[in-house]
Amino acid sequence: SLQPKSDYHFCNQSELGIPFLNEFKLSG
């Protein structure tokens, strides 16, 4: 089907469901 490029290209990553990442630190 003929579609505009914007239909299949995400320019805003908030639309991609990117998860939060976890980071742990411990020092002493």
mmCIF file of all heavy atoms, coordinates in Angstrom:
data_MODEL
# 
_entry.id   MODEL 
# 
loop_
_atom_site.group_PDB 
_atom_site.id 
_atom_site.type_symbol 
_atom_site.label_atom_id 
_atom_site.label_alt_id 
_atom_site.label_comp_id 
_atom_site.label_asym_id 
_atom_site.label_entity_id 
_atom_site.label_seq_id 
_atom_site.pdbx_PDB_ins_code 
_atom_site.Cartn_x 
_atom_site.Cartn_y 
_atom_site.Cartn_z 
_atom_site.occupancy 
_atom_site.B_iso_or_equiv 
_atom_site.pdbx_formal_charge 
_atom_site.auth_seq_id 
_atom_site.auth_comp_id 
_atom_site.auth_asym_id 
_atom_site.auth_atom_id 
_atom_site.pdbx_PDB_model_num 
ATOM 1   N N   . SER A 1 1  ? 0.855  -1.186 0.000  1.00 0.00 ? 1  SER A N   1 
ATOM 2   C CA  . SER A 1 1  ? 0.000  0.000  0.000  1.00 0.00 ? 1  SER A CA  1 
ATOM 3   C C   . SER A 1 1  ? 0.886  1.230  0.000  1.00 0.00 ? 1  SER A C   1 
ATOM 4   O O   . SER A 1 1  ? 2.008  1.207  0.514  1.00 0.00 ? 1  SER A O   1 
ATOM 5   C CB  . SER A 1 1  ? -0.913 0.014  1.229  1.00 0.00 ? 1  SER A CB  1 
ATOM 6   O OG  . SER A 1 1  ? -0.136 0.024  2.402  1.00 0.00 ? 1  SER A OG  1 
ATOM 7   N N   . LEU A 1 2  ? 0.409  2.315  -0.585 1.00 0.00 ? 2  LEU A N   1 
ATOM 8   C CA  . LEU A 1 2  ? 1.161  3.553  -0.640 1.00 0.00 ? 2  LEU A CA  1 
ATOM 9   C C   . LEU A 1 2  ? 0.948  4.303  0.658  1.00 0.00 ? 2  LEU A C   1 
ATOM 10  O O   . LEU A 1 2  ? -0.166 4.698  0.979  1.00 0.00 ? 2  LEU A O   1 
ATOM 11  C CB  . LEU A 1 2  ? 0.688  4.391  -1.830 1.00 0.00 ? 2  LEU A CB  1 
ATOM 12  C CG  . LEU A 1 2  ? 1.631  5.509  -2.287 1.00 0.00 ? 2  LEU A CG  1 
ATOM 13  C CD1 . LEU A 1 2  ? 2.932  4.911  -2.792 1.00 0.00 ? 2  LEU A CD1 1 
ATOM 14  C CD2 . LEU A 1 2  ? 0.979  6.326  -3.393 1.00 0.00 ? 2  LEU A CD2 1 
ATOM 15  N N   . GLN A 1 3  ? 2.021  4.494  1.406  1.00 0.00 ? 3  GLN A N   1 
ATOM 16  C CA  . GLN A 1 3  ? 1.914  5.117  2.715  1.00 0.00 ? 3  GLN A CA  1 
ATOM 17  C C   . GLN A 1 3  ? 2.957  6.204  2.857  1.00 0.00 ? 3  GLN A C   1 
ATOM 18  O O   . GLN A 1 3  ? 4.052  6.095  2.300  1.00 0.00 ? 3  GLN A O   1 
ATOM 19  C CB  . GLN A 1 3  ? 2.141  4.080  3.828  1.00 0.00 ? 3  GLN A CB  1 
ATOM 20  C CG  . GLN A 1 3  ? 1.124  2.953  3.825  1.00 0.00 ? 3  GLN A CG  1 
ATOM 21  C CD  . GLN A 1 3  ? 1.451  1.936  4.899  1.00 0.00 ? 3  GLN A CD  1 
ATOM 22  O OE1 . GLN A 1 3  ? 2.376  2.125  5.671  1.00 0.00 ? 3  GLN A OE1 1 
ATOM 23  N NE2 . GLN A 1 3  ? 0.697  0.870  4.958  1.00 0.00 ? 3  GLN A NE2 1 
ATOM 24  N N   . PRO A 1 4  ? 2.637  7.253  3.599  1.00 0.00 ? 4  PRO A N   1 
ATOM 25  C CA  . PRO A 1 4  ? 3.664  8.260  3.879  1.00 0.00 ? 4  PRO A CA  1 
ATOM 26  C C   . PRO A 1 4  ? 4.702  7.718  4.836  1.00 0.00 ? 4  PRO A C   1 
ATOM 27  O O   . PRO A 1 4  ? 4.424  6.840  5.648  1.00 0.00 ? 4  PRO A O   1 
ATOM 28  C CB  . PRO A 1 4  ? 2.876  9.409  4.512  1.00 0.00 ? 4  PRO A CB  1 
ATOM 29  C CG  . PRO A 1 4  ? 1.673  8.755  5.100  1.00 0.00 ? 4  PRO A CG  1 
ATOM 30  C CD  . PRO A 1 4  ? 1.339  7.611  4.174  1.00 0.00 ? 4  PRO A CD  1 
ATOM 31  N N   . LYS A 1 5  ? 5.903  8.248  4.716  1.00 0.00 ? 5  LYS A N   1 
ATOM 32  C CA  . LYS A 1 5  ? 7.001  7.782  5.548  1.00 0.00 ? 5  LYS A CA  1 
ATOM 33  C C   . LYS A 1 5  ? 6.685  7.877  7.031  1.00 0.00 ? 5  LYS A C   1 
ATOM 34  O O   . LYS A 1 5  ? 7.081  7.034  7.825  1.00 0.00 ? 5  LYS A O   1 
ATOM 35  C CB  . LYS A 1 5  ? 8.258  8.592  5.218  1.00 0.00 ? 5  LYS A CB  1 
ATOM 36  C CG  . LYS A 1 5  ? 9.500  8.158  5.967  1.00 0.00 ? 5  LYS A CG  1 
ATOM 37  C CD  . LYS A 1 5  ? 10.673 9.023  5.549  1.00 0.00 ? 5  LYS A CD  1 
ATOM 38  C CE  . LYS A 1 5  ? 11.919 8.636  6.319  1.00 0.00 ? 5  LYS A CE  1 
ATOM 39  N NZ  . LYS A 1 5  ? 13.064 9.504  5.996  1.00 0.00 ? 5  LYS A NZ  1 
ATOM 40  N N   . SER A 1 6  ? 5.932  8.907  7.423  1.00 0.00 ? 6  SER A N   1 
ATOM 41  C CA  . SER A 1 6  ? 5.656  9.115  8.838  1.00 0.00 ? 6  SER A CA  1 
ATOM 42  C C   . SER A 1 6  ? 4.838  7.983  9.440  1.00 0.00 ? 6  SER A C   1 
ATOM 43  O O   . SER A 1 6  ? 4.772  7.836  10.646 1.00 0.00 ? 6  SER A O   1 
ATOM 44  C CB  . SER A 1 6  ? 4.923  10.444 9.032  1.00 0.00 ? 6  SER A CB  1 
ATOM 45  O OG  . SER A 1 6  ? 3.735  10.462 8.272  1.00 0.00 ? 6  SER A OG  1 
ATOM 46  N N   . ASP A 1 7  ? 4.208  7.148  8.576  1.00 0.00 ? 7  ASP A N   1 
ATOM 47  C CA  . ASP A 1 7  ? 3.397  6.056  9.098  1.00 0.00 ? 7  ASP A CA  1 
ATOM 48  C C   . ASP A 1 7  ? 4.246  4.931  9.661  1.00 0.00 ? 7  ASP A C   1 
ATOM 49  O O   . ASP A 1 7  ? 3.765  4.128  10.440 1.00 0.00 ? 7  ASP A O   1 
ATOM 50  C CB  . ASP A 1 7  ? 2.483  5.493  7.998  1.00 0.00 ? 7  ASP A CB  1 
ATOM 51  C CG  . ASP A 1 7  ? 1.303  6.408  7.728  1.00 0.00 ? 7  ASP A CG  1 
ATOM 52  O OD1 . ASP A 1 7  ? 1.144  7.383  8.496  1.00 0.00 ? 7  ASP A OD1 1 
ATOM 53  O OD2 . ASP A 1 7  ? 0.572  6.174  6.764  1.00 0.00 ? 7  ASP A OD2 1 
ATOM 54  N N   . TYR A 1 8  ? 5.506  4.846  9.250  1.00 0.00 ? 8  TYR A N   1 
ATOM 55  C CA  . TYR A 1 8  ? 6.291  3.717  9.722  1.00 0.00 ? 8  TYR A CA  1 
ATOM 56  C C   . TYR A 1 8  ? 7.597  4.156  10.377 1.00 0.00 ? 8  TYR A C   1 
ATOM 57  O O   . TYR A 1 8  ? 8.431  3.348  10.717 1.00 0.00 ? 8  TYR A O   1 
ATOM 58  C CB  . TYR A 1 8  ? 6.609  2.748  8.574  1.00 0.00 ? 8  TYR A CB  1 
ATOM 59  C CG  . TYR A 1 8  ? 7.417  3.357  7.454  1.00 0.00 ? 8  TYR A CG  1 
ATOM 60  C CD1 . TYR A 1 8  ? 8.804  3.367  7.485  1.00 0.00 ? 8  TYR A CD1 1 
ATOM 61  C CD2 . TYR A 1 8  ? 6.779  3.928  6.353  1.00 0.00 ? 8  TYR A CD2 1 
ATOM 62  C CE1 . TYR A 1 8  ? 9.538  3.928  6.467  1.00 0.00 ? 8  TYR A CE1 1 
ATOM 63  C CE2 . TYR A 1 8  ? 7.507  4.491  5.332  1.00 0.00 ? 8  TYR A CE2 1 
ATOM 64  C CZ  . TYR A 1 8  ? 8.883  4.484  5.386  1.00 0.00 ? 8  TYR A CZ  1 
ATOM 65  O OH  . TYR A 1 8  ? 9.608  5.039  4.367  1.00 0.00 ? 8  TYR A OH  1 
ATOM 66  N N   . HIS A 1 9  ? 7.773  5.448  10.589 1.00 0.00 ? 9  HIS A N   1 
ATOM 67  C CA  . HIS A 1 9  ? 9.000  5.935  11.208 1.00 0.00 ? 9  HIS A CA  1 
ATOM 68  C C   . HIS A 1 9  ? 8.659  6.696  12.482 1.00 0.00 ? 9  HIS A C   1 
ATOM 69  O O   . HIS A 1 9  ? 7.887  7.636  12.457 1.00 0.00 ? 9  HIS A O   1 
ATOM 70  C CB  . HIS A 1 9  ? 9.746  6.853  10.247 1.00 0.00 ? 9  HIS A CB  1 
ATOM 71  C CG  . HIS A 1 9  ? 10.934 7.500  10.878 1.00 0.00 ? 9  HIS A CG  1 
ATOM 72  N ND1 . HIS A 1 9  ? 12.072 6.803  11.199 1.00 0.00 ? 9  HIS A ND1 1 
ATOM 73  C CD2 . HIS A 1 9  ? 11.160 8.782  11.260 1.00 0.00 ? 9  HIS A CD2 1 
ATOM 74  C CE1 . HIS A 1 9  ? 12.949 7.627  11.738 1.00 0.00 ? 9  HIS A CE1 1 
ATOM 75  N NE2 . HIS A 1 9  ? 12.424 8.829  11.801 1.00 0.00 ? 9  HIS A NE2 1 
ATOM 76  N N   . PHE A 1 10 ? 9.215  6.246  13.603 1.00 0.00 ? 10 PHE A N   1 
ATOM 77  C CA  . PHE A 1 10 ? 8.981  6.927  14.871 1.00 0.00 ? 10 PHE A CA  1 
ATOM 78  C C   . PHE A 1 10 ? 10.056 7.978  15.068 1.00 0.00 ? 10 PHE A C   1 
ATOM 79  O O   . PHE A 1 10 ? 11.232 7.655  15.195 1.00 0.00 ? 10 PHE A O   1 
ATOM 80  C CB  . PHE A 1 10 ? 9.021  5.918  16.030 1.00 0.00 ? 10 PHE A CB  1 
ATOM 81  C CG  . PHE A 1 10 ? 7.827  5.023  16.087 1.00 0.00 ? 10 PHE A CG  1 
ATOM 82  C CD1 . PHE A 1 10 ? 7.899  3.735  15.611 1.00 0.00 ? 10 PHE A CD1 1 
ATOM 83  C CD2 . PHE A 1 10 ? 6.631  5.471  16.613 1.00 0.00 ? 10 PHE A CD2 1 
ATOM 84  C CE1 . PHE A 1 10 ? 6.801  2.906  15.672 1.00 0.00 ? 10 PHE A CE1 1 
ATOM 85  C CE2 . PHE A 1 10 ? 5.524  4.642  16.676 1.00 0.00 ? 10 PHE A CE2 1 
ATOM 86  C CZ  . PHE A 1 10 ? 5.613  3.354  16.200 1.00 0.00 ? 10 PHE A CZ  1 
ATOM 87  N N   . CYS A 1 11 ? 9.680  9.250  15.103 1.00 0.00 ? 11 CYS A N   1 
ATOM 88  C CA  . CYS A 1 11 ? 10.668 10.289 15.353 1.00 0.00 ? 11 CYS A CA  1 
ATOM 89  C C   . CYS A 1 11 ? 10.735 10.616 16.838 1.00 0.00 ? 11 CYS A C   1 
ATOM 90  O O   . CYS A 1 11 ? 11.671 11.275 17.282 1.00 0.00 ? 11 CYS A O   1 
ATOM 91  C CB  . CYS A 1 11 ? 10.335 11.545 14.549 1.00 0.00 ? 11 CYS A CB  1 
ATOM 92  S SG  . CYS A 1 11 ? 8.707  12.229 14.918 1.00 0.00 ? 11 CYS A SG  1 
ATOM 93  N N   . ASN A 1 12 ? 9.767  10.182 17.614 1.00 0.00 ? 12 ASN A N   1 
ATOM 94  C CA  . ASN A 1 12 ? 9.753  10.433 19.050 1.00 0.00 ? 12 ASN A CA  1 
ATOM 95  C C   . ASN A 1 12 ? 9.799  9.091  19.769 1.00 0.00 ? 12 ASN A C   1 
ATOM 96  O O   . ASN A 1 12 ? 8.892  8.276  19.646 1.00 0.00 ? 12 ASN A O   1 
ATOM 97  C CB  . ASN A 1 12 ? 8.486  11.202 19.440 1.00 0.00 ? 12 ASN A CB  1 
ATOM 98  C CG  . ASN A 1 12 ? 8.515  11.659 20.890 1.00 0.00 ? 12 ASN A CG  1 
ATOM 99  O OD1 . ASN A 1 12 ? 9.289  11.147 21.693 1.00 0.00 ? 12 ASN A OD1 1 
ATOM 100 N ND2 . ASN A 1 12 ? 7.680  12.615 21.226 1.00 0.00 ? 12 ASN A ND2 1 
ATOM 101 N N   . GLN A 1 13 ? 10.868 8.878  20.533 1.00 0.00 ? 13 GLN A N   1 
ATOM 102 C CA  . GLN A 1 13 ? 11.044 7.574  21.168 1.00 0.00 ? 13 GLN A CA  1 
ATOM 103 C C   . GLN A 1 13 ? 10.017 7.289  22.253 1.00 0.00 ? 13 GLN A C   1 
ATOM 104 O O   . GLN A 1 13 ? 9.883  6.141  22.676 1.00 0.00 ? 13 GLN A O   1 
ATOM 105 C CB  . GLN A 1 13 ? 12.454 7.472  21.753 1.00 0.00 ? 13 GLN A CB  1 
ATOM 106 C CG  . GLN A 1 13 ? 13.534 7.404  20.695 1.00 0.00 ? 13 GLN A CG  1 
ATOM 107 C CD  . GLN A 1 13 ? 14.911 7.201  21.298 1.00 0.00 ? 13 GLN A CD  1 
ATOM 108 O OE1 . GLN A 1 13 ? 15.088 7.262  22.503 1.00 0.00 ? 13 GLN A OE1 1 
ATOM 109 N NE2 . GLN A 1 13 ? 15.894 6.961  20.449 1.00 0.00 ? 13 GLN A NE2 1 
ATOM 110 N N   . SER A 1 14 ? 9.289  8.307  22.705 1.00 0.00 ? 14 SER A N   1 
ATOM 111 C CA  . SER A 1 14 ? 8.260  8.053  23.706 1.00 0.00 ? 14 SER A CA  1 
ATOM 112 C C   . SER A 1 14 ? 7.159  7.164  23.150 1.00 0.00 ? 14 SER A C   1 
ATOM 113 O O   . SER A 1 14 ? 6.399  6.556  23.907 1.00 0.00 ? 14 SER A O   1 
ATOM 114 C CB  . SER A 1 14 ? 7.676  9.377  24.206 1.00 0.00 ? 14 SER A CB  1 
ATOM 115 O OG  . SER A 1 14 ? 7.032  10.072 23.155 1.00 0.00 ? 14 SER A OG  1 
ATOM 116 N N   . GLU A 1 15 ? 7.074  7.063  21.819 1.00 0.00 ? 15 GLU A N   1 
ATOM 117 C CA  . GLU A 1 15 ? 6.062  6.214  21.200 1.00 0.00 ? 15 GLU A CA  1 
ATOM 118 C C   . GLU A 1 15 ? 6.504  4.756  21.119 1.00 0.00 ? 15 GLU A C   1 
ATOM 119 O O   . GLU A 1 15 ? 5.717  3.899  20.719 1.00 0.00 ? 15 GLU A O   1 
ATOM 120 C CB  . GLU A 1 15 ? 5.757  6.732  19.790 1.00 0.00 ? 15 GLU A CB  1 
ATOM 121 C CG  . GLU A 1 15 ? 5.291  8.181  19.742 1.00 0.00 ? 15 GLU A CG  1 
ATOM 122 C CD  . GLU A 1 15 ? 5.166  8.681  18.310 1.00 0.00 ? 15 GLU A CD  1 
ATOM 123 O OE1 . GLU A 1 15 ? 5.055  7.839  17.406 1.00 0.00 ? 15 GLU A OE1 1 
ATOM 124 O OE2 . GLU A 1 15 ? 5.172  9.904  18.097 1.00 0.00 ? 15 GLU A OE2 1 
ATOM 125 N N   . LEU A 1 16 ? 7.742  4.461  21.470 1.00 0.00 ? 16 LEU A N   1 
ATOM 126 C CA  . LEU A 1 16 ? 8.274  3.115  21.285 1.00 0.00 ? 16 LEU A CA  1 
ATOM 127 C C   . LEU A 1 16 ? 8.188  2.251  22.538 1.00 0.00 ? 16 LEU A C   1 
ATOM 128 O O   . LEU A 1 16 ? 8.573  1.094  22.499 1.00 0.00 ? 16 LEU A O   1 
ATOM 129 C CB  . LEU A 1 16 ? 9.735  3.194  20.835 1.00 0.00 ? 16 LEU A CB  1 
ATOM 130 C CG  . LEU A 1 16 ? 9.975  3.925  19.509 1.00 0.00 ? 16 LEU A CG  1 
ATOM 131 C CD1 . LEU A 1 16 ? 11.465 3.968  19.197 1.00 0.00 ? 16 LEU A CD1 1 
ATOM 132 C CD2 . LEU A 1 16 ? 9.223  3.262  18.377 1.00 0.00 ? 16 LEU A CD2 1 
ATOM 133 N N   . GLY A 1 17 ? 7.718  2.814  23.641 1.00 0.00 ? 17 GLY A N   1 
ATOM 134 C CA  . GLY A 1 17 ? 7.612  2.026  24.865 1.00 0.00 ? 17 GLY A CA  1 
ATOM 135 C C   . GLY A 1 17 ? 8.951  1.629  25.458 1.00 0.00 ? 17 GLY A C   1 
ATOM 136 O O   . GLY A 1 17 ? 9.099  0.538  26.017 1.00 0.00 ? 17 GLY A O   1 
ATOM 137 N N   . ILE A 1 18 ? 9.930  2.494  25.350 1.00 0.00 ? 18 ILE A N   1 
ATOM 138 C CA  . ILE A 1 18 ? 11.259 2.198  25.909 1.00 0.00 ? 18 ILE A CA  1 
ATOM 139 C C   . ILE A 1 18 ? 11.151 2.113  27.428 1.00 0.00 ? 18 ILE A C   1 
ATOM 140 O O   . ILE A 1 18 ? 10.622 3.022  28.064 1.00 0.00 ? 18 ILE A O   1 
ATOM 141 C CB  . ILE A 1 18 ? 12.268 3.275  25.491 1.00 0.00 ? 18 ILE A CB  1 
ATOM 142 C CG1 . ILE A 1 18 ? 12.478 3.215  23.976 1.00 0.00 ? 18 ILE A CG1 1 
ATOM 143 C CG2 . ILE A 1 18 ? 13.599 3.101  26.217 1.00 0.00 ? 18 ILE A CG2 1 
ATOM 144 C CD1 . ILE A 1 18 ? 13.388 4.281  23.442 1.00 0.00 ? 18 ILE A CD1 1 
ATOM 145 N N   . PRO A 1 19 ? 11.657 1.048  28.026 1.00 0.00 ? 19 PRO A N   1 
ATOM 146 C CA  . PRO A 1 19 ? 11.494 0.872  29.478 1.00 0.00 ? 19 PRO A CA  1 
ATOM 147 C C   . PRO A 1 19 ? 12.517 1.675  30.278 1.00 0.00 ? 19 PRO A C   1 
ATOM 148 O O   . PRO A 1 19 ? 13.524 2.147  29.742 1.00 0.00 ? 19 PRO A O   1 
ATOM 149 C CB  . PRO A 1 19 ? 11.732 -0.628 29.662 1.00 0.00 ? 19 PRO A CB  1 
ATOM 150 C CG  . PRO A 1 19 ? 12.711 -0.966 28.581 1.00 0.00 ? 19 PRO A CG  1 
ATOM 151 C CD  . PRO A 1 19 ? 12.329 -0.104 27.398 1.00 0.00 ? 19 PRO A CD  1 
ATOM 152 N N   . PHE A 1 20 ? 12.254 1.812  31.568 1.00 0.00 ? 20 PHE A N   1 
ATOM 153 C CA  . PHE A 1 20 ? 13.227 2.366  32.487 1.00 0.00 ? 20 PHE A CA  1 
ATOM 154 C C   . PHE A 1 20 ? 14.307 1.315  32.758 1.00 0.00 ? 20 PHE A C   1 
ATOM 155 O O   . PHE A 1 20 ? 14.027 0.114  32.788 1.00 0.00 ? 20 PHE A O   1 
ATOM 156 C CB  . PHE A 1 20 ? 12.557 2.770  33.807 1.00 0.00 ? 20 PHE A CB  1 
ATOM 157 C CG  . PHE A 1 20 ? 11.827 4.078  33.739 1.00 0.00 ? 20 PHE A CG  1 
ATOM 158 C CD1 . PHE A 1 20 ? 10.542 4.142  33.231 1.00 0.00 ? 20 PHE A CD1 1 
ATOM 159 C CD2 . PHE A 1 20 ? 12.432 5.247  34.179 1.00 0.00 ? 20 PHE A CD2 1 
ATOM 160 C CE1 . PHE A 1 20 ? 9.856  5.348  33.164 1.00 0.00 ? 20 PHE A CE1 1 
ATOM 161 C CE2 . PHE A 1 20 ? 11.764 6.458  34.119 1.00 0.00 ? 20 PHE A CE2 1 
ATOM 162 C CZ  . PHE A 1 20 ? 10.474 6.515  33.617 1.00 0.00 ? 20 PHE A CZ  1 
ATOM 163 N N   . LEU A 1 21 ? 15.538 1.772  32.952 1.00 0.00 ? 21 LEU A N   1 
ATOM 164 C CA  . LEU A 1 21 ? 16.650 0.887  33.245 1.00 0.00 ? 21 LEU A CA  1 
ATOM 165 C C   . LEU A 1 21 ? 17.018 0.990  34.717 1.00 0.00 ? 21 LEU A C   1 
ATOM 166 O O   . LEU A 1 21 ? 16.801 2.021  35.351 1.00 0.00 ? 21 LEU A O   1 
ATOM 167 C CB  . LEU A 1 21 ? 17.858 1.243  32.384 1.00 0.00 ? 21 LEU A CB  1 
ATOM 168 C CG  . LEU A 1 21 ? 17.638 1.182  30.870 1.00 0.00 ? 21 LEU A CG  1 
ATOM 169 C CD1 . LEU A 1 21 ? 18.910 1.583  30.132 1.00 0.00 ? 21 LEU A CD1 1 
ATOM 170 C CD2 . LEU A 1 21 ? 17.201 -0.213 30.444 1.00 0.00 ? 21 LEU A CD2 1 
ATOM 171 N N   . ASN A 1 22 ? 17.585 -0.088 35.245 1.00 0.00 ? 22 ASN A N   1 
ATOM 172 C CA  . ASN A 1 22 ? 17.955 -0.150 36.658 1.00 0.00 ? 22 ASN A CA  1 
ATOM 173 C C   . ASN A 1 22 ? 19.468 -0.181 36.803 1.00 0.00 ? 22 ASN A C   1 
ATOM 174 O O   . ASN A 1 22 ? 20.164 -0.859 36.039 1.00 0.00 ? 22 ASN A O   1 
ATOM 175 C CB  . ASN A 1 22 ? 17.360 -1.400 37.313 1.00 0.00 ? 22 ASN A CB  1 
ATOM 176 C CG  . ASN A 1 22 ? 15.846 -1.361 37.332 1.00 0.00 ? 22 ASN A CG  1 
ATOM 177 O OD1 . ASN A 1 22 ? 15.245 -0.744 38.204 1.00 0.00 ? 22 ASN A OD1 1 
ATOM 178 N ND2 . ASN A 1 22 ? 15.222 -2.012 36.360 1.00 0.00 ? 22 ASN A ND2 1 
ATOM 179 N N   . GLU A 1 23 ? 19.953 0.557  37.772 1.00 0.00 ? 23 GLU A N   1 
ATOM 180 C CA  . GLU A 1 23 ? 21.383 0.585  38.045 1.00 0.00 ? 23 GLU A CA  1 
ATOM 181 C C   . GLU A 1 23 ? 21.605 0.541  39.552 1.00 0.00 ? 23 GLU A C   1 
ATOM 182 O O   . GLU A 1 23 ? 20.975 1.295  40.295 1.00 0.00 ? 23 GLU A O   1 
ATOM 183 C CB  . GLU A 1 23 ? 21.994 1.857  37.463 1.00 0.00 ? 23 GLU A CB  1 
ATOM 184 C CG  . GLU A 1 23 ? 23.495 1.972  37.642 1.00 0.00 ? 23 GLU A CG  1 
ATOM 185 C CD  . GLU A 1 23 ? 24.027 3.251  37.043 1.00 0.00 ? 23 GLU A CD  1 
ATOM 186 O OE1 . GLU A 1 23 ? 24.023 4.275  37.755 1.00 0.00 ? 23 GLU A OE1 1 
ATOM 187 O OE2 . GLU A 1 23 ? 24.441 3.250  35.870 1.00 0.00 ? 23 GLU A OE2 1 
ATOM 188 N N   . PHE A 1 24 ? 22.484 -0.333 39.973 1.00 0.00 ? 24 PHE A N   1 
ATOM 189 C CA  . PHE A 1 24 ? 22.780 -0.480 41.388 1.00 0.00 ? 24 PHE A CA  1 
ATOM 190 C C   . PHE A 1 24 ? 24.252 -0.149 41.644 1.00 0.00 ? 24 PHE A C   1 
ATOM 191 O O   . PHE A 1 24 ? 25.118 -0.527 40.851 1.00 0.00 ? 24 PHE A O   1 
ATOM 192 C CB  . PHE A 1 24 ? 22.490 -1.912 41.852 1.00 0.00 ? 24 PHE A CB  1 
ATOM 193 C CG  . PHE A 1 24 ? 21.046 -2.308 41.723 1.00 0.00 ? 24 PHE A CG  1 
ATOM 194 C CD1 . PHE A 1 24 ? 20.590 -2.921 40.569 1.00 0.00 ? 24 PHE A CD1 1 
ATOM 195 C CD2 . PHE A 1 24 ? 20.151 -2.054 42.754 1.00 0.00 ? 24 PHE A CD2 1 
ATOM 196 C CE1 . PHE A 1 24 ? 19.261 -3.283 40.436 1.00 0.00 ? 24 PHE A CE1 1 
ATOM 197 C CE2 . PHE A 1 24 ? 18.828 -2.412 42.630 1.00 0.00 ? 24 PHE A CE2 1 
ATOM 198 C CZ  . PHE A 1 24 ? 18.375 -3.027 41.466 1.00 0.00 ? 24 PHE A CZ  1 
ATOM 199 N N   . LYS A 1 25 ? 24.506 0.536  42.735 1.00 0.00 ? 25 LYS A N   1 
ATOM 200 C CA  . LYS A 1 25 ? 25.870 0.892  43.101 1.00 0.00 ? 25 LYS A CA  1 
ATOM 201 C C   . LYS A 1 25 ? 26.082 0.614  44.583 1.00 0.00 ? 25 LYS A C   1 
ATOM 202 O O   . LYS A 1 25 ? 25.198 0.858  45.403 1.00 0.00 ? 25 LYS A O   1 
ATOM 203 C CB  . LYS A 1 25 ? 26.143 2.368  42.836 1.00 0.00 ? 25 LYS A CB  1 
ATOM 204 C CG  . LYS A 1 25 ? 26.106 2.765  41.371 1.00 0.00 ? 25 LYS A CG  1 
ATOM 205 C CD  . LYS A 1 25 ? 26.413 4.245  41.209 1.00 0.00 ? 25 LYS A CD  1 
ATOM 206 C CE  . LYS A 1 25 ? 26.393 4.655  39.749 1.00 0.00 ? 25 LYS A CE  1 
ATOM 207 N NZ  . LYS A 1 25 ? 26.698 6.105  39.583 1.00 0.00 ? 25 LYS A NZ  1 
ATOM 208 N N   . LEU A 1 26 ? 27.271 0.119  44.900 1.00 0.00 ? 26 LEU A N   1 
ATOM 209 C CA  . LEU A 1 26 ? 27.626 -0.112 46.294 1.00 0.00 ? 26 LEU A CA  1 
ATOM 210 C C   . LEU A 1 26 ? 29.137 0.023  46.416 1.00 0.00 ? 26 LEU A C   1 
ATOM 211 O O   . LEU A 1 26 ? 29.885 -0.599 45.657 1.00 0.00 ? 26 LEU A O   1 
ATOM 212 C CB  . LEU A 1 26 ? 27.193 -1.506 46.767 1.00 0.00 ? 26 LEU A CB  1 
ATOM 213 C CG  . LEU A 1 26 ? 27.439 -1.822 48.251 1.00 0.00 ? 26 LEU A CG  1 
ATOM 214 C CD1 . LEU A 1 26 ? 26.610 -0.887 49.131 1.00 0.00 ? 26 LEU A CD1 1 
ATOM 215 C CD2 . LEU A 1 26 ? 27.104 -3.274 48.550 1.00 0.00 ? 26 LEU A CD2 1 
ATOM 216 N N   . SER A 1 27 ? 29.573 0.852  47.327 1.00 0.00 ? 27 SER A N   1 
ATOM 217 C CA  . SER A 1 27 ? 31.014 1.022  47.548 1.00 0.00 ? 27 SER A CA  1 
ATOM 218 C C   . SER A 1 27 ? 31.247 1.316  49.021 1.00 0.00 ? 27 SER A C   1 
ATOM 219 O O   . SER A 1 27 ? 30.365 1.835  49.718 1.00 0.00 ? 27 SER A O   1 
ATOM 220 C CB  . SER A 1 27 ? 31.576 2.153  46.685 1.00 0.00 ? 27 SER A CB  1 
ATOM 221 O OG  . SER A 1 27 ? 30.981 3.389  47.062 1.00 0.00 ? 27 SER A OG  1 
ATOM 222 N N   . GLY A 1 28 ? 32.427 0.985  49.482 1.00 0.00 ? 28 GLY A N   1 
ATOM 223 C CA  . GLY A 1 28 ? 32.736 1.219  50.878 1.00 0.00 ? 28 GLY A CA  1 
ATOM 224 C C   . GLY A 1 28 ? 34.226 1.124  51.134 1.00 0.00 ? 28 GLY A C   1 
ATOM 225 O O   . GLY A 1 28 ? 34.997 0.702  50.276 1.00 0.00 ? 28 GLY A O   1 
# 
